[in-house]
């Protein structure tokens, strides 16, 4: 890992400061997503908390059971919101596979 600053890890516009940092640390663009250019692996942005949420969602889908007893109204808001984001991203991913 290059220990880039937050501004240099994910770039939408280049300032002189960002250009100098990237050059000094020998950073190379890893991937571009629209106007966003990443200089570190995209997986480095996924925190342990995010991996835990992904595991919970996959377990829920596999078992057909929600994390807490009851229905969707009984689940924590963060989980309902995370599941909605997961569904949107999955649909977008599958729509680009064709």
Protein backbone atom coordinates (compact mmCIF):
# COMPACT_ATOMS: atom_id res chain seq x y z
CA UNK A 1 0.00 0.00 0.00
CA UNK A 2 1.31 3.43 -0.91
CA UNK A 3 -0.27 5.30 2.03
CA UNK A 4 -1.79 7.90 -0.26
CA UNK A 5 -3.87 10.72 1.15
CA UNK A 6 -7.64 10.43 0.75
CA UNK A 7 -7.53 13.09 -1.99
CA UNK A 8 -4.97 11.09 -3.98
CA UNK A 9 -6.51 7.63 -3.50
CA UNK A 10 -9.67 8.51 -5.45
CA UNK A 11 -9.35 11.39 -7.89
CA UNK A 12 -12.02 13.27 -9.82
CA UNK A 13 -9.77 16.23 -10.62
CA UNK A 14 -6.03 16.75 -10.45
CA UNK A 15 -4.53 19.60 -8.45
CA UNK A 16 -0.80 20.29 -8.45
CA UNK A 17 -0.64 18.85 -4.92
CA UNK A 18 -2.29 15.59 -6.00
CA UNK A 19 -0.07 15.30 -9.09
CA UNK A 20 3.04 15.78 -6.94
CA UNK A 21 1.92 13.19 -4.39
CA UNK A 22 1.12 10.58 -7.04
CA UNK A 23 4.47 11.15 -8.73
CA UNK A 24 6.45 11.14 -5.46
CA UNK A 25 4.88 7.84 -4.35
CA UNK A 26 5.07 6.23 -7.78
CA UNK A 27 1.31 5.69 -7.85
CA UNK A 28 -0.34 4.32 -10.97
CA UNK A 29 -4.04 4.39 -11.80
CA UNK A 30 -5.67 1.07 -10.91
CA UNK A 31 -9.11 1.63 -12.41
CA UNK A 32 -11.40 4.35 -13.75
CA UNK A 33 -15.11 4.48 -12.97
CA UNK A 34 -16.74 7.25 -15.00
CA UNK A 35 -14.88 10.40 -13.88
CA UNK A 36 -13.39 8.74 -10.77
CA UNK A 37 -9.83 7.41 -10.97
CA UNK A 38 -8.62 5.06 -8.23
CA UNK A 39 -4.96 4.78 -7.34
CA UNK A 40 -5.44 1.93 -4.87
CA UNK A 41 -7.31 -1.35 -5.21
CA UNK A 42 -11.07 -0.79 -4.90
CA UNK A 43 -11.20 -3.53 -2.26
CA UNK A 44 -9.12 -1.33 0.05
CA UNK A 45 -12.23 0.88 0.41
CA UNK A 46 -14.31 -1.94 1.85
CA UNK A 47 -14.11 -1.90 5.63
CA UNK A 48 -14.45 -4.89 7.94
CA UNK A 49 -17.90 -3.56 8.90
CA UNK A 50 -18.94 -3.65 5.24
CA UNK A 51 -17.68 -7.24 4.86
CA UNK A 52 -19.73 -8.16 7.95
CA UNK A 53 -22.87 -6.65 6.40
CA UNK A 54 -22.20 -8.54 3.16
CA UNK A 55 -21.84 -11.79 5.13
CA UNK A 56 -25.13 -11.10 6.95
CA UNK A 57 -26.96 -10.46 3.68
CA UNK A 58 -25.54 -13.58 2.03
CA UNK A 59 -26.49 -15.67 5.09
CA UNK A 60 -30.00 -14.19 5.04
CA UNK A 61 -30.38 -15.01 1.35
CA UNK A 62 -29.05 -18.54 1.85
CA UNK A 63 -31.20 -19.38 4.89
CA UNK A 64 -34.27 -17.26 4.08
CA UNK A 65 -34.17 -15.84 7.63
CA UNK A 66 -33.83 -12.24 8.71
CA UNK A 67 -31.16 -11.37 11.31
CA UNK A 68 -33.75 -10.55 14.03
CA UNK A 69 -37.06 -12.22 14.83
CA UNK A 70 -40.09 -10.70 13.15
CA UNK A 71 -40.49 -9.13 9.74
CA UNK A 72 -38.72 -6.36 7.86
CA UNK A 73 -40.24 -3.72 10.13
CA UNK A 74 -38.44 -5.36 13.07
CA UNK A 75 -34.99 -5.15 11.46
CA UNK A 76 -32.49 -2.37 12.15
CA UNK A 77 -32.77 0.51 9.70
CA UNK A 78 -29.10 0.18 8.72
CA UNK A 79 -29.69 -3.44 7.68
CA UNK A 80 -32.79 -2.63 5.62
CA UNK A 81 -30.89 0.23 3.95
CA UNK A 82 -27.83 -1.97 3.31
CA UNK A 83 -30.01 -4.68 1.77
CA UNK A 84 -31.63 -2.11 -0.53
CA UNK A 85 -28.21 -0.93 -1.69
CA UNK A 86 -27.14 -4.55 -2.22
CA UNK A 87 -30.22 -5.24 -4.36
CA UNK A 88 -29.65 -2.11 -6.47
CA UNK A 89 -25.98 -2.92 -7.03
CA UNK A 90 -26.77 -6.56 -7.85
CA UNK A 91 -29.39 -5.50 -10.39
CA UNK A 92 -26.98 -3.01 -11.96
CA UNK A 93 -24.22 -5.62 -12.11
CA UNK A 94 -26.50 -8.21 -13.71
CA UNK A 95 -27.84 -5.71 -16.24
CA UNK A 96 -24.29 -5.01 -17.51
CA UNK A 97 -23.39 -8.72 -17.82
CA UNK A 98 -25.54 -9.17 -20.94
